[in-house]
PDB file of N, CA and C in Angstrom:
ATOM      1  N   UNK A   1      53.630  47.116  96.282  1.00  0.00           N
ATOM      2  CA  UNK A   1      53.862  48.612  97.074  1.00  0.00           C
ATOM      3  C   UNK A   1      53.708  49.863  95.988  1.00  0.00           C
ATOM      4  N   UNK A   2      53.919  51.252  96.614  1.00  0.00           N
ATOM      5  CA  UNK A   2      53.690  51.579  95.575  1.00  0.00           C
ATOM      6  C   UNK A   2      55.319  52.508  95.372  1.00  0.00           C
ATOM      7  N   UNK A   3      55.795  52.758  94.528  1.00  0.00           N
ATOM      8  CA  UNK A   3      57.336  53.189  94.385  1.00  0.00           C
ATOM      9  C   UNK A   3      57.239  54.135  93.690  1.00  0.00           C
ATOM     10  N   UNK A   4      56.433  55.202  93.535  1.00  0.00           N
ATOM     11  CA  UNK A   4      56.016  56.394  93.076  1.00  0.00           C
ATOM     12  C   UNK A   4      56.635  57.606  94.074  1.00  0.00           C
ATOM     13  N   UNK A   5      56.625  58.718  93.278  1.00  0.00           N
ATOM     14  CA  UNK A   5      56.896  59.574  94.118  1.00  0.00           C
ATOM     15  C   UNK A   5      55.829  60.714  94.897  1.00  0.00           C
ATOM     16  N   UNK A   6      55.997  61.006  95.928  1.00  0.00           N
ATOM     17  CA  UNK A   6      54.611  61.422  96.579  1.00  0.00           C
ATOM     18  C   UNK A   6      54.524  63.295  96.294  1.00  0.00           C
ATOM     19  N   UNK A   7      53.893  63.896  96.835  1.00  0.00           N
ATOM     20  CA  UNK A   7      53.785  65.154  96.717  1.00  0.00           C
ATOM     21  C   UNK A   7      54.579  65.922  96.796  1.00  0.00           C
ATOM     22  N   UNK A   8      54.899  65.579  98.122  1.00  0.00           N
ATOM     23  CA  UNK A   8      55.776  66.363  98.989  1.00  0.00           C
ATOM     24  C   UNK A   8      57.388  66.358  98.484  1.00  0.00           C
ATOM     25  N   UNK A   9      57.484  65.223  98.351  1.00  0.00           N
ATOM     26  CA  UNK A   9      58.541  65.129  97.128  1.00  0.00           C
ATOM     27  C   UNK A   9      58.977  65.650  96.215  1.00  0.00           C
ATOM     28  N   UNK A  10      57.901  65.432  95.458  1.00  0.00           N
ATOM     29  CA  UNK A  10      57.784  66.077  93.898  1.00  0.00           C
ATOM     30  C   UNK A  10      58.081  68.034  93.731  1.00  0.00           C
ATOM     31  N   UNK A  11      57.249  68.639  95.262  1.00  0.00           N
ATOM     32  CA  UNK A  11      57.487  69.846  95.625  1.00  0.00           C
ATOM     33  C   UNK A  11      58.961  70.381  96.004  1.00  0.00           C
ATOM     34  N   UNK A  12      59.269  69.724  97.177  1.00  0.00           N
ATOM     35  CA  UNK A  12      60.895  69.535  97.540  1.00  0.00           C
ATOM     36  C   UNK A  12      61.961  69.988  95.758  1.00  0.00           C
ATOM     37  N   UNK A  13      61.857  68.688  95.404  1.00  0.00           N
ATOM     38  CA  UNK A  13      62.421  68.636  93.668  1.00  0.00           C
ATOM     39  C   UNK A  13      62.330  69.996  93.304  1.00  0.00           C
ATOM     40  N   UNK A  14      61.481  70.391  92.727  1.00  0.00           N
ATOM     41  CA  UNK A  14      60.881  71.579  91.981  1.00  0.00           C
ATOM     42  C   UNK A  14      61.305  72.463  92.221  1.00  0.00           C
ATOM     43  N   UNK A  15      60.856  72.703  93.898  1.00  0.00           N
ATOM     44  CA  UNK A  15      61.640  73.884  94.084  1.00  0.00           C
ATOM     45  C   UNK A  15      63.039  74.354  94.088  1.00  0.00           C
ATOM     46  N   UNK A  16      63.898  72.871  94.700  1.00  0.00           N
ATOM     47  CA  UNK A  16      65.181  73.025  94.093  1.00  0.00           C
ATOM     48  C   UNK A  16      66.278  73.049  93.262  1.00  0.00           C
ATOM     49  N   UNK A  17      65.614  73.389  92.041  1.00  0.00           N
ATOM     50  CA  UNK A  17      65.715  73.310  90.713  1.00  0.00           C
ATOM     51  C   UNK A  17      65.788  74.586  90.454  1.00  0.00           C
ATOM     52  N   UNK A  18      65.076  75.460  90.816  1.00  0.00           N
ATOM     53  CA  UNK A  18      64.921  77.408  89.991  1.00  0.00           C
ATOM     54  C   UNK A  18      65.551  78.042  91.408  1.00  0.00           C
ATOM     55  N   UNK A  19      66.691  77.943  92.357  1.00  0.00           N
ATOM     56  CA  UNK A  19      67.519  78.453  92.993  1.00  0.00           C
ATOM     57  C   UNK A  19      68.548  79.195  92.911  1.00  0.00           C
ATOM     58  N   UNK A  20      68.220  80.245  92.613  1.00  0.00           N
ATOM     59  CA  UNK A  20      69.286  81.482  92.041  1.00  0.00           C
ATOM     60  C   UNK A  20      70.665  80.919  92.224  1.00  0.00           C
ATOM     61  N   UNK A  21      71.134  80.570  91.342  1.00  0.00           N
ATOM     62  CA  UNK A  21      73.215  79.830  91.334  1.00  0.00           C
ATOM     63  C   UNK A  21      73.620  81.578  91.892  1.00  0.00           C
ATOM     64  N   UNK A  22      75.196  81.822  92.138  1.00  0.00           N
ATOM     65  CA  UNK A  22      75.605  82.694  92.562  1.00  0.00           C
ATOM     66  C   UNK A  22      76.112  83.007  91.148  1.00  0.00           C
ATOM     67  N   UNK A  23      76.070  84.654  90.442  1.00  0.00           N
ATOM     68  CA  UNK A  23      77.197  84.649  89.640  1.00  0.00           C
ATOM     69  C   UNK A  23      78.426  85.194  90.474  1.00  0.00           C
ATOM     70  N   UNK A  24      79.214  85.247  88.749  1.00  0.00           N
ATOM     71  CA  UNK A  24      81.055  85.758  89.663  1.00  0.00           C
ATOM     72  C   UNK A  24      80.590  87.459  90.107  1.00  0.00           C
ATOM     73  N   UNK A  25      79.676  88.450  89.489  1.00  0.00           N
ATOM     74  CA  UNK A  25      79.199  89.883  89.843  1.00  0.00           C
ATOM     75  C   UNK A  25      78.354  89.850  91.306  1.00  0.00           C
ATOM     76  N   UNK A  26      78.383  88.655  92.140  1.00  0.00           N
ATOM     77  CA  UNK A  26      77.537  88.810  93.286  1.00  0.00           C
ATOM     78  C   UNK A  26      78.415  89.297  94.467  1.00  0.00           C
ATOM     79  N   UNK A  27      77.576  90.371  95.001  1.00  0.00           N
ATOM     80  CA  UNK A  27      78.498  90.924  95.677  1.00  0.00           C
ATOM     81  C   UNK A  27      79.017  90.133  96.597  1.00  0.00           C
ATOM     82  N   UNK A  28      78.415  89.053  97.274  1.00  0.00           N
ATOM     83  CA  UNK A  28      79.478  88.236  97.903  1.00  0.00           C
ATOM     84  C   UNK A  28      81.026  88.157  97.602  1.00  0.00           C
ATOM     85  N   UNK A  29      80.925  88.169  96.668  1.00  0.00           N
ATOM     86  CA  UNK A  29      82.831  87.868  95.880  1.00  0.00           C
ATOM     87  C   UNK A  29      83.605  88.915  95.743  1.00  0.00           C
ATOM     88  N   UNK A  30      83.056  90.644  96.299  1.00  0.00           N
ATOM     89  CA  UNK A  30      83.660  91.388  95.960  1.00  0.00           C
ATOM     90  C   UNK A  30      83.945  92.676  97.573  1.00  0.00           C
ATOM     91  N   UNK A  31      84.301  93.049  98.113  1.00  0.00           N
ATOM     92  CA  UNK A  31      84.877  93.876  98.896  1.00  0.00           C
ATOM     93  C   UNK A  31      83.644  95.179  98.449  1.00  0.00           C
ATOM     94  N   UNK A  32      82.443  96.032  98.741  1.00  0.00           N
ATOM     95  CA  UNK A  32      81.914  96.926  99.083  1.00  0.00           C
ATOM     96  C   UNK A  32      81.739  97.924 100.294  1.00  0.00           C
ATOM     97  N   UNK A  33      81.586  99.364 100.062  1.00  0.00           N
ATOM     98  CA  UNK A  33      81.613 100.491 101.165  1.00  0.00           C
ATOM     99  C   UNK A  33      82.496 100.288 102.426  1.00  0.00           C
ATOM    100  N   UNK A  34      82.060  99.995 103.290  1.00  0.00           N
ATOM    101  CA  UNK A  34      82.981 100.251 104.515  1.00  0.00           C
ATOM    102  C   UNK A  34      84.182  99.250 104.473  1.00  0.00           C
ATOM    103  N   UNK A  35      83.957  98.020 103.663  1.00  0.00           N
ATOM    104  CA  UNK A  35      85.117  97.179 104.112  1.00  0.00           C
ATOM    105  C   UNK A  35      85.705  97.199 102.445  1.00  0.00           C
ATOM    106  N   UNK A  36      85.315  97.863 102.028  1.00  0.00           N
ATOM    107  CA  UNK A  36      86.443  98.075 100.662  1.00  0.00           C
ATOM    108  C   UNK A  36      87.445  99.141 101.621  1.00  0.00           C
ATOM    109  N   UNK A  37      86.752 100.237 102.053  1.00  0.00           N
ATOM    110  CA  UNK A  37      87.663 101.501 102.634  1.00  0.00           C
ATOM    111  C   UNK A  37      88.326 101.193 103.789  1.00  0.00           C
ATOM    112  N   UNK A  38      87.917  99.429 103.826  1.00  0.00           N
ATOM    113  CA  UNK A  38      89.069  99.330 105.216  1.00  0.00           C
ATOM    114  C   UNK A  38      90.016  98.852 104.789  1.00  0.00           C
ATOM    115  N   UNK A  39      89.852  97.941 103.306  1.00  0.00           N
ATOM    116  CA  UNK A  39      90.694  97.102 103.148  1.00  0.00           C
ATOM    117  C   UNK A  39      91.997  98.359 102.285  1.00  0.00           C
ATOM    118  N   UNK A  40      91.260  99.544 101.823  1.00  0.00           N
ATOM    119  CA  UNK A  40      92.087 100.657 101.622  1.00  0.00           C
ATOM    120  C   UNK A  40      93.089 101.587 102.437  1.00  0.00           C
ATOM    121  N   UNK A  41      92.540 101.540 103.738  1.00  0.00           N
ATOM    122  CA  UNK A  41      93.504 101.719 104.984  1.00  0.00           C
ATOM    123  C   UNK A  41      94.266 101.363 105.267  1.00  0.00           C
ATOM    124  N   UNK A  42      94.050 100.107 105.222  1.00  0.00           N
ATOM    125  CA  UNK A  42      95.007  98.838 105.758  1.00  0.00           C
ATOM    126  C   UNK A  42      96.416  98.951 104.534  1.00  0.00           C
ATOM    127  N   UNK A  43      95.992  99.113 103.656  1.00  0.00           N
ATOM    128  CA  UNK A  43      96.652  99.067 102.441  1.00  0.00           C
ATOM    129  C   UNK A  43      97.694 100.215 102.361  1.00  0.00           C
ATOM    130  N   UNK A  44      97.045 101.223 102.479  1.00  0.00           N
ATOM    131  CA  UNK A  44      97.984 102.772 102.766  1.00  0.00           C
ATOM    132  C   UNK A  44      98.301 102.834 104.317  1.00  0.00           C
ATOM    133  N   UNK A  45      98.327 102.413 105.113  1.00  0.00           N
ATOM    134  CA  UNK A  45      98.998 102.827 106.476  1.00  0.00           C
ATOM    135  C   UNK A  45     100.450 101.191 106.530  1.00  0.00           C
ATOM    136  N   UNK A  46     100.065 100.450 105.572  1.00  0.00           N
ATOM    137  CA  UNK A  46     101.214  99.365 105.517  1.00  0.00           C
ATOM    138  C   UNK A  46     102.024 100.330 105.084  1.00  0.00           C
ATOM    139  N   UNK A  47     102.105 101.029 104.182  1.00  0.00           N
ATOM    140  CA  UNK A  47     102.158 101.841 103.250  1.00  0.00           C
ATOM    141  C   UNK A  47     103.499 102.448 103.442  1.00  0.00           C
ATOM    142  N   UNK A  48     102.988 103.303 104.325  1.00  0.00           N
ATOM    143  CA  UNK A  48     103.286 104.597 105.285  1.00  0.00           C
ATOM    144  C   UNK A  48     104.378 104.287 105.923  1.00  0.00           C
ATOM    145  N   UNK A  49     103.994 102.975 106.513  1.00  0.00           N
ATOM    146  CA  UNK A  49     105.073 102.018 107.702  1.00  0.00           C
ATOM    147  C   UNK A  49     106.376 101.858 106.875  1.00  0.00           C
ATOM    148  N   UNK A  50     106.080 101.305 105.845  1.00  0.00           N
ATOM    149  CA  UNK A  50     107.218 100.593 104.867  1.00  0.00           C
ATOM    150  C   UNK A  50     108.072 102.139 104.802  1.00  0.00           C
ATOM    151  N   UNK A  51     107.911 102.911 104.408  1.00  0.00           N
ATOM    152  CA  UNK A  51     108.373 104.269 104.477  1.00  0.00           C
ATOM    153  C   UNK A  51     109.073 104.524 105.137  1.00  0.00           C
ATOM    154  N   UNK A  52     107.956 104.883 106.343  1.00  0.00           N
ATOM    155  CA  UNK A  52     109.099 105.502 107.155  1.00  0.00           C
ATOM    156  C   UNK A  52     110.083 104.095 108.111  1.00  0.00           C
ATOM    157  N   UNK A  53     109.920 102.734 108.220  1.00  0.00           N
ATOM    158  CA  UNK A  53     110.888 102.455 108.314  1.00  0.00           C
ATOM    159  C   UNK A  53     111.764 102.559 107.410  1.00  0.00           C
ATOM    160  N   UNK A  54     111.869 102.269 105.974  1.00  0.00           N
ATOM    161  CA  UNK A  54     112.924 102.501 105.444  1.00  0.00           C
ATOM    162  C   UNK A  54     113.548 103.997 105.675  1.00  0.00           C
ATOM    163  N   UNK A  55     113.363 104.981 105.531  1.00  0.00           N
ATOM    164  CA  UNK A  55     113.590 106.097 105.858  1.00  0.00           C
ATOM    165  C   UNK A  55     114.327 106.085 107.604  1.00  0.00           C
ATOM    166  N   UNK A  56     113.876 105.819 108.720  1.00  0.00           N
ATOM    167  CA  UNK A  56     114.787 105.309 109.687  1.00  0.00           C
ATOM    168  C   UNK A  56     115.946 104.186 109.261  1.00  0.00           C
ATOM    169  N   UNK A  57     116.170 103.294 108.665  1.00  0.00           N
ATOM    170  CA  UNK A  57     117.340 102.691 108.396  1.00  0.00           C
ATOM    171  C   UNK A  57     118.170 103.565 107.473  1.00  0.00           C
ATOM    172  N   UNK A  58     117.528 103.640 106.481  1.00  0.00           N
ATOM    173  CA  UNK A  58     118.678 104.713 106.245  1.00  0.00           C
ATOM    174  C   UNK A  58     119.527 106.131 107.141  1.00  0.00           C
ATOM    175  N   UNK A  59     118.562 106.359 107.653  1.00  0.00           N
ATOM    176  CA  UNK A  59     118.883 107.288 109.092  1.00  0.00           C
ATOM    177  C   UNK A  59     120.111 106.709 110.098  1.00  0.00           C
ATOM    178  N   UNK A  60     119.713 105.441 110.420  1.00  0.00           N
ATOM    179  CA  UNK A  60     120.348 105.019 111.246  1.00  0.00           C
ATOM    180  C   UNK A  60     121.871 104.552 110.661  1.00  0.00           C
ATOM    181  N   UNK A  61     122.075 104.281 109.301  1.00  0.00           N
ATOM    182  CA  UNK A  61     123.138 103.997 108.742  1.00  0.00           C
ATOM    183  C   UNK A  61     124.011 105.239 109.010  1.00  0.00           C
ATOM    184  N   UNK A  62     123.466 106.378 108.374  1.00  0.00           N
ATOM    185  CA  UNK A  62     124.347 107.447 107.855  1.00  0.00           C
ATOM    186  C   UNK A  62     124.599 108.082 109.452  1.00  0.00           C
ATOM    187  N   UNK A  63     123.570 108.147 109.913  1.00  0.00           N
ATOM    188  CA  UNK A  63     124.003 108.414 111.514  1.00  0.00           C
ATOM    189  C   UNK A  63     125.101 107.293 112.078  1.00  0.00           C
ATOM    190  N   UNK A  64     125.127 106.264 112.257  1.00  0.00           N
ATOM    191  CA  UNK A  64     126.405 105.549 112.561  1.00  0.00           C
ATOM    192  C   UNK A  64     127.280 105.304 111.419  1.00  0.00           C
ATOM    193  N   UNK A  65     127.301 106.091 110.540  1.00  0.00           N
ATOM    194  CA  UNK A  65     128.473 105.847 109.805  1.00  0.00           C
ATOM    195  C   UNK A  65     128.980 104.732 109.192  1.00  0.00           C
ATOM    196  N   UNK A  66     127.934 103.814 108.916  1.00  0.00           N
ATOM    197  CA  UNK A  66     128.143 102.518 108.487  1.00  0.00           C
ATOM    198  C   UNK A  66     128.683 102.515 106.732  1.00  0.00           C
ATOM    199  N   UNK A  67     129.411 101.400 106.920  1.00  0.00           N
ATOM    200  CA  UNK A  67     129.719 101.284 105.363  1.00  0.00           C
ATOM    201  C   UNK A  67     130.484 100.030 105.002  1.00  0.00           C
ATOM    202  N   UNK A  68     130.867  99.467 103.904  1.00  0.00           N
ATOM    203  CA  UNK A  68     131.453  98.133 103.641  1.00  0.00           C
ATOM    204  C   UNK A  68     133.017  98.063 104.393  1.00  0.00           C
ATOM    205  N   UNK A  69     133.557  99.145 104.434  1.00  0.00           N
ATOM    206  CA  UNK A  69     134.622  98.965 105.676  1.00  0.00           C
ATOM    207  C   UNK A  69     134.260  98.652 106.804  1.00  0.00           C
ATOM    208  N   UNK A  70     133.309  99.315 107.519  1.00  0.00           N
ATOM    209  CA  UNK A  70     133.077  99.211 108.834  1.00  0.00           C
ATOM    210  C   UNK A  70     132.435 100.284 109.635  1.00  0.00           C
ATOM    211  N   UNK A  71     132.352 100.640 110.464  1.00  0.00           N
ATOM    212  CA  UNK A  71     131.454 101.267 111.068  1.00  0.00           C
ATOM    213  C   UNK A  71     131.878 102.171 112.063  1.00  0.00           C
ATOM    214  N   UNK A  72     131.207 103.785 111.983  1.00  0.00           N
ATOM    215  CA  UNK A  72     132.168 104.843 112.654  1.00  0.00           C
ATOM    216  C   UNK A  72     134.050 104.415 112.407  1.00  0.00           C
ATOM    217  N   UNK A  73     134.753 105.094 113.524  1.00  0.00           N
ATOM    218  CA  UNK A  73     135.762 105.183 113.479  1.00  0.00           C
ATOM    219  C   UNK A  73     136.496 103.354 113.413  1.00  0.00           C
ATOM    220  N   UNK A  74     135.566 102.227 113.450  1.00  0.00           N
ATOM    221  CA  UNK A  74     136.338 100.770 113.356  1.00  0.00           C
ATOM    222  C   UNK A  74     136.059 100.812 112.204  1.00  0.00           C
ATOM    223  N   UNK A  75     137.325 100.038 111.726  1.00  0.00           N
ATOM    224  CA  UNK A  75     137.543  99.710 109.720  1.00  0.00           C
ATOM    225  C   UNK A  75     137.978  98.078 109.905  1.00  0.00           C
ATOM    226  N   UNK A  76     137.589  97.442 109.261  1.00  0.00           N
ATOM    227  CA  UNK A  76     138.018  96.202 108.874  1.00  0.00           C
ATOM    228  C   UNK A  76     139.076  96.077 107.887  1.00  0.00           C
ATOM    229  N   UNK A  77     139.907  95.586 108.616  1.00  0.00           N
ATOM    230  CA  UNK A  77     141.067  95.027 107.901  1.00  0.00           C
ATOM    231  C   UNK A  77     141.148  93.718 107.731  1.00  0.00           C
ATOM    232  N   UNK A  78     142.480  93.286 106.823  1.00  0.00           N
ATOM    233  CA  UNK A  78     142.649  91.588 106.056  1.00  0.00           C
ATOM    234  C   UNK A  78     143.137  91.449 108.004  1.00  0.00           C
ATOM    235  N   UNK A  79     144.157  92.043 108.639  1.00  0.00           N
ATOM    236  CA  UNK A  79     144.542  92.102 109.924  1.00  0.00           C
ATOM    237  C   UNK A  79     144.156  91.962 110.709  1.00  0.00           C
ATOM    238  N   UNK A  80     142.725  92.692 110.950  1.00  0.00           N
ATOM    239  CA  UNK A  80     141.968  92.747 112.276  1.00  0.00           C
ATOM    240  C   UNK A  80     141.159  94.279 112.204  1.00  0.00           C
ATOM    241  N   UNK A  81     141.214  94.626 113.060  1.00  0.00           N
ATOM    242  CA  UNK A  81     139.997  95.671 112.838  1.00  0.00           C
ATOM    243  C   UNK A  81     140.591  96.953 113.863  1.00  0.00           C
ATOM    244  N   UNK A  82     140.932  98.076 112.916  1.00  0.00           N
ATOM    245  CA  UNK A  82     141.478  98.905 113.062  1.00  0.00           C
ATOM    246  C   UNK A  82     140.568 100.525 113.412  1.00  0.00           C
ATOM    247  N   UNK A  83     141.245 101.060 114.582  1.00  0.00           N
ATOM    248  CA  UNK A  83     140.069 102.197 115.618  1.00  0.00           C
ATOM    249  C   UNK A  83     140.956 103.294 114.859  1.00  0.00           C
ATOM    250  N   UNK A  84     140.901 104.311 114.433  1.00  0.00           N
ATOM    251  CA  UNK A  84     140.533 105.572 113.806  1.00  0.00           C
ATOM    252  C   UNK A  84     140.093 106.512 114.732  1.00  0.00           C
ATOM    253  N   UNK A  85     140.758 107.315 115.551  1.00  0.00           N
ATOM    254  CA  UNK A  85     140.075 108.472 115.881  1.00  0.00           C
ATOM    255  C   UNK A  85     139.632 108.163 117.480  1.00  0.00           C
ATOM    256  N   UNK A  86     138.912 109.255 118.004  1.00  0.00           N
ATOM    257  CA  UNK A  86     138.544 108.145 119.627  1.00  0.00           C
ATOM    258  C   UNK A  86     137.493 107.144 119.572  1.00  0.00           C
ATOM    259  N   UNK A  87     137.228 106.357 120.056  1.00  0.00           N
ATOM    260  CA  UNK A  87     136.449 104.920 120.620  1.00  0.00           C
ATOM    261  C   UNK A  87     136.135 104.552 121.771  1.00  0.00           C
ATOM    262  N   UNK A  88     134.821 104.428 122.260  1.00  0.00           N
ATOM    263  CA  UNK A  88     134.917 104.223 123.150  1.00  0.00           C
ATOM    264  C   UNK A  88     134.251 103.105 123.346  1.00  0.00           C
ATOM    265  N   UNK A  89     134.418 101.899 124.297  1.00  0.00           N
ATOM    266  CA  UNK A  89     133.305 100.658 124.226  1.00  0.00           C
ATOM    267  C   UNK A  89     133.067 100.297 125.295  1.00  0.00           C
ATOM    268  N   UNK A  90     131.925  99.664 125.230  1.00  0.00           N
ATOM    269  CA  UNK A  90     131.203  99.505 126.833  1.00  0.00           C
ATOM    270  C   UNK A  90     131.064  98.806 127.325  1.00  0.00           C
ATOM    271  N   UNK A  91     132.070  97.030 127.154  1.00  0.00           N
ATOM    272  CA  UNK A  91     132.483  96.210 127.534  1.00  0.00           C
ATOM    273  C   UNK A  91     134.162  96.246 127.729  1.00  0.00           C
ATOM    274  N   UNK A  92     134.464  95.546 128.320  1.00  0.00           N
ATOM    275  CA  UNK A  92     136.005  95.304 128.585  1.00  0.00           C
ATOM    276  C   UNK A  92     136.236  94.714 126.865  1.00  0.00           C
ATOM    277  N   UNK A  93     137.629  95.006 126.350  1.00  0.00           N
ATOM    278  CA  UNK A  93     138.258  94.948 125.232  1.00  0.00           C
ATOM    279  C   UNK A  93     139.314  94.076 125.471  1.00  0.00           C
ATOM    280  N   UNK A  94     139.292  92.652 124.982  1.00  0.00           N
ATOM    281  CA  UNK A  94     140.453  91.815 125.380  1.00  0.00           C
ATOM    282  C   UNK A  94     140.794  91.248 124.001  1.00  0.00           C
ATOM    283  N   UNK A  95     142.900  91.559 123.538  1.00  0.00           N
ATOM    284  CA  UNK A  95     143.254  91.327 122.152  1.00  0.00           C
ATOM    285  C   UNK A  95     144.389  91.289 122.712  1.00  0.00           C
ATOM    286  N   UNK A  96     144.978  90.266 121.457  1.00  0.00           N
ATOM    287  CA  UNK A  96     146.645  90.181 122.057  1.00  0.00           C
ATOM    288  C   UNK A  96     147.505  90.791 121.315  1.00  0.00           C
ATOM    289  N   UNK A  97     147.140  92.095 120.868  1.00  0.00           N
ATOM    290  CA  UNK A  97     148.564  93.176 120.699  1.00  0.00           C
ATOM    291  C   UNK A  97     147.157  94.400 120.146  1.00  0.00           C
ATOM    292  N   UNK A  98     147.896  95.175 120.588  1.00  0.00           N
ATOM    293  CA  UNK A  98     147.633  96.598 119.944  1.00  0.00           C
ATOM    294  C   UNK A  98     148.818  97.190 119.588  1.00  0.00           C
ATOM    295  N   UNK A  99     148.650  98.085 118.700  1.00  0.00           N
ATOM    296  CA  UNK A  99     149.700  98.766 117.836  1.00  0.00           C
ATOM    297  C   UNK A  99     149.374  99.874 117.637  1.00  0.00           C
ATOM    298  N   UNK A 100     150.214 101.320 117.532  1.00  0.00           N
ATOM    299  CA  UNK A 100     150.124 102.211 116.844  1.00  0.00           C
ATOM    300  C   UNK A 100     150.378 102.452 115.461  1.00  0.00           C
ATOM    301  N   UNK A 101     150.097 103.620 115.026  1.00  0.00           N
ATOM    302  CA  UNK A 101     149.770 103.513 113.622  1.00  0.00           C
ATOM    303  C   UNK A 101     151.090 104.526 113.174  1.00  0.00           C
ATOM    304  N   UNK A 102     151.997 105.261 113.551  1.00  0.00           N
ATOM    305  CA  UNK A 102     153.123 105.491 113.286  1.00  0.00           C
ATOM    306  C   UNK A 102     154.086 105.115 114.056  1.00  0.00           C
ATOM    307  N   UNK A 103     155.603 105.393 113.501  1.00  0.00           N
ATOM    308  CA  UNK A 103     156.394 104.727 113.852  1.00  0.00           C
ATOM    309  C   UNK A 103     157.520 105.776 114.048  1.00  0.00           C
ATOM    310  N   UNK A 104     157.691 105.780 115.574  1.00  0.00           N
ATOM    311  CA  UNK A 104     158.470 106.448 115.834  1.00  0.00           C
ATOM    312  C   UNK A 104     158.701 106.210 117.244  1.00  0.00           C
ATOM    313  N   UNK A 105     160.157 107.254 118.021  1.00  0.00           N
ATOM    314  CA  UNK A 105     159.774 106.893 119.454  1.00  0.00           C
ATOM    315  C   UNK A 105     159.142 106.674 120.588  1.00  0.00           C
ATOM    316  N   UNK A 106     157.601 106.777 119.789  1.00  0.00           N
ATOM    317  CA  UNK A 106     156.581 106.590 120.519  1.00  0.00           C
ATOM    318  C   UNK A 106     155.590 105.340 120.858  1.00  0.00           C
ATOM    319  N   UNK A 107     156.207 104.783 119.253  1.00  0.00           N
ATOM    320  CA  UNK A 107     155.886 103.583 118.891  1.00  0.00           C
ATOM    321  C   UNK A 107     155.293 102.952 120.668  1.00  0.00           C
ATOM    322  N   UNK A 108     154.250 102.087 120.412  1.00  0.00           N
ATOM    323  CA  UNK A 108     153.803 101.436 121.352  1.00  0.00           C
ATOM    324  C   UNK A 108     153.154  99.980 120.860  1.00  0.00           C
ATOM    325  N   UNK A 109     153.773  99.314 121.787  1.00  0.00           N
ATOM    326  CA  UNK A 109     152.914  97.350 121.243  1.00  0.00           C
ATOM    327  C   UNK A 109     152.940  96.757 122.596  1.00  0.00           C
ATOM    328  N   UNK A 110     151.370  96.746 122.685  1.00  0.00           N
ATOM    329  CA  UNK A 110     151.216  95.848 124.007  1.00  0.00           C
ATOM    330  C   UNK A 110     151.111  94.222 123.569  1.00  0.00           C
ATOM    331  N   UNK A 111     151.686  92.982 124.347  1.00  0.00           N
ATOM    332  CA  UNK A 111     151.287  91.583 123.737  1.00  0.00           C
ATOM    333  C   UNK A 111     150.761  91.409 124.663  1.00  0.00           C
ATOM    334  N   UNK A 112     149.770  90.202 124.651  1.00  0.00           N
ATOM    335  CA  UNK A 112     149.447  89.481 125.391  1.00  0.00           C
ATOM    336  C   UNK A 112     147.977  89.862 126.560  1.00  0.00           C
ATOM    337  N   UNK A 113     147.405  91.409 126.347  1.00  0.00           N
ATOM    338  CA  UNK A 113     146.512  91.822 127.403  1.00  0.00           C
ATOM    339  C   UNK A 113     145.336  90.874 127.229  1.00  0.00           C
ATOM    340  N   UNK A 114     145.030  91.032 128.722  1.00  0.00           N
ATOM    341  CA  UNK A 114     143.552  89.968 128.805  1.00  0.00           C
ATOM    342  C   UNK A 114     142.848  90.930 129.542  1.00  0.00           C
TER     343      UNK A 114
END
């Protein structure tokens, strides 16, 4: 039996040795042309979106008068919540006690309001 290499196998083997190998700077490893412009456009769009988001967040914080003490006319104390000035509640307010700020003849204390 003949165990040598046939002519077809030799041709196939010799051609596969000389195939060009991709180098590090080949066009397949980087974005060129419209792809590169598209990526830059997406990055620019993301940056603009982040800046607008940050600006709107700061604006909302200023308009709603948020601070570390509370928000608007609602201030957080150790004893509870203090409402200074006019406030409007969208839903019913359930409290155990309401006290006025001043000590006078008009001092009002309401207990167990449901």
